[in-house]
Amino acid sequence: MDYRDMYALFRREPEAKRFFDGLPAHVQDQLRIRPNGIKNLEGLKNYARSVLRGEPV
């Protein structure tokens, strides 16, 4: 299911929040820059993988 943004995702899917909390701080910071682009858990994981690989997002 897609949500309005990353924060709505966290409220509805605790697994997404746990995943986010387990990420390094610099990755969390990058994800916070564009919360509206993250609509679901898969999107969150893909975005995090891109940041971890140093790819432009």
C-alpha atoms as a PDB file:
ATOM      1  CA  MET A   1       0.000   0.000   0.000  1.00  0.00           C
ATOM      2  CA  ASP A   2       1.213   3.498  -0.777  1.00  0.00           C
ATOM      3  CA  TYR A   3       1.112   6.308   1.765  1.00  0.00           C
ATOM      4  CA  ARG A   4       1.301  10.084   1.497  1.00  0.00           C
ATOM      5  CA  ASP A   5       4.913  10.211   2.668  1.00  0.00           C
ATOM      6  CA  MET A   6       7.550   8.431   4.712  1.00  0.00           C
ATOM      7  CA  TYR A   7       6.093   9.586   8.022  1.00  0.00           C
ATOM      8  CA  ALA A   8       2.616   8.264   7.185  1.00  0.00           C
ATOM      9  CA  LEU A   9       4.300   4.999   6.214  1.00  0.00           C
ATOM     10  CA  PHE A  10       5.992   4.846   9.630  1.00  0.00           C
ATOM     11  CA  ARG A  11       2.692   5.414  11.427  1.00  0.00           C
ATOM     12  CA  ARG A  12       0.956   2.591   9.561  1.00  0.00           C
ATOM     13  CA  GLU A  13       3.778   0.067   9.122  1.00  0.00           C
ATOM     14  CA  PRO A  14       6.002  -0.409  12.170  1.00  0.00           C
ATOM     15  CA  GLU A  15       8.349  -2.624  10.124  1.00  0.00           C
ATOM     16  CA  ALA A  16       9.230   0.396   7.986  1.00  0.00           C
ATOM     17  CA  LYS A  17      10.073   2.467  11.063  1.00  0.00           C
ATOM     18  CA  ARG A  18      12.237  -0.351  12.465  1.00  0.00           C
ATOM     19  CA  PHE A  19      14.066  -0.606   9.139  1.00  0.00           C
ATOM     20  CA  PHE A  20      14.653   3.163   9.089  1.00  0.00           C
ATOM     21  CA  ASP A  21      15.861   3.184  12.701  1.00  0.00           C
ATOM     22  CA  GLY A  22      18.425   0.494  11.856  1.00  0.00           C
ATOM     23  CA  LEU A  23      19.999   2.545   9.077  1.00  0.00           C
ATOM     24  CA  PRO A  24      23.177   4.578   9.583  1.00  0.00           C
ATOM     25  CA  ALA A  25      22.564   8.206  10.555  1.00  0.00           C
ATOM     26  CA  HIS A  26      23.863   9.603   7.248  1.00  0.00           C
ATOM     27  CA  VAL A  27      21.367   7.441   5.331  1.00  0.00           C
ATOM     28  CA  GLN A  28      18.517   8.528   7.612  1.00  0.00           C
ATOM     29  CA  ASP A  29      19.497  12.147   6.980  1.00  0.00           C
ATOM     30  CA  GLN A  30      19.305  11.647   3.209  1.00  0.00           C
ATOM     31  CA  LEU A  31      15.910   9.974   3.478  1.00  0.00           C
ATOM     32  CA  ARG A  32      14.561  12.836   5.585  1.00  0.00           C
ATOM     33  CA  ILE A  33      15.400  15.286   2.803  1.00  0.00           C
ATOM     34  CA  ARG A  34      12.762  13.765   0.498  1.00  0.00           C
ATOM     35  CA  PRO A  35      10.090  12.161   2.671  1.00  0.00           C
ATOM     36  CA  ASN A  36       7.390  12.751   0.041  1.00  0.00           C
ATOM     37  CA  GLY A  37       9.208  10.492  -2.412  1.00  0.00           C
ATOM     38  CA  ILE A  38       8.917   7.477  -0.116  1.00  0.00           C
ATOM     39  CA  LYS A  39       5.458   5.950  -0.307  1.00  0.00           C
ATOM     40  CA  ASN A  40       5.951   2.310   0.763  1.00  0.00           C
ATOM     41  CA  LEU A  41       8.388  -0.089   2.406  1.00  0.00           C
ATOM     42  CA  GLU A  42       9.879  -1.245  -0.886  1.00  0.00           C
ATOM     43  CA  GLY A  43      10.504   2.362  -1.892  1.00  0.00           C
ATOM     44  CA  LEU A  44      12.149   3.022   1.456  1.00  0.00           C
ATOM     45  CA  LYS A  45      14.454   0.026   1.013  1.00  0.00           C
ATOM     46  CA  ASN A  46      15.323   0.982  -2.565  1.00  0.00           C
ATOM     47  CA  TYR A  47      16.096   4.562  -1.614  1.00  0.00           C
ATOM     48  CA  ALA A  48      18.251   3.407   1.316  1.00  0.00           C
ATOM     49  CA  ARG A  49      20.186   0.981  -0.922  1.00  0.00           C
ATOM     50  CA  SER A  50      20.869   3.782  -3.393  1.00  0.00           C
ATOM     51  CA  VAL A  51      22.193   6.050  -0.661  1.00  0.00           C
ATOM     52  CA  LEU A  52      24.360   3.261   0.759  1.00  0.00           C
ATOM     53  CA  ARG A  53      25.865   2.661  -2.700  1.00  0.00           C
ATOM     54  CA  GLY A  54      26.573   6.368  -3.073  1.00  0.00           C
ATOM     55  CA  GLU A  55      24.243   6.739  -6.038  1.00  0.00           C
ATOM     56  CA  PRO A  56      22.615  10.100  -6.708  1.00  0.00           C
ATOM     57  CA  VAL A  57      19.032  10.188  -5.494  1.00  0.00           C
END
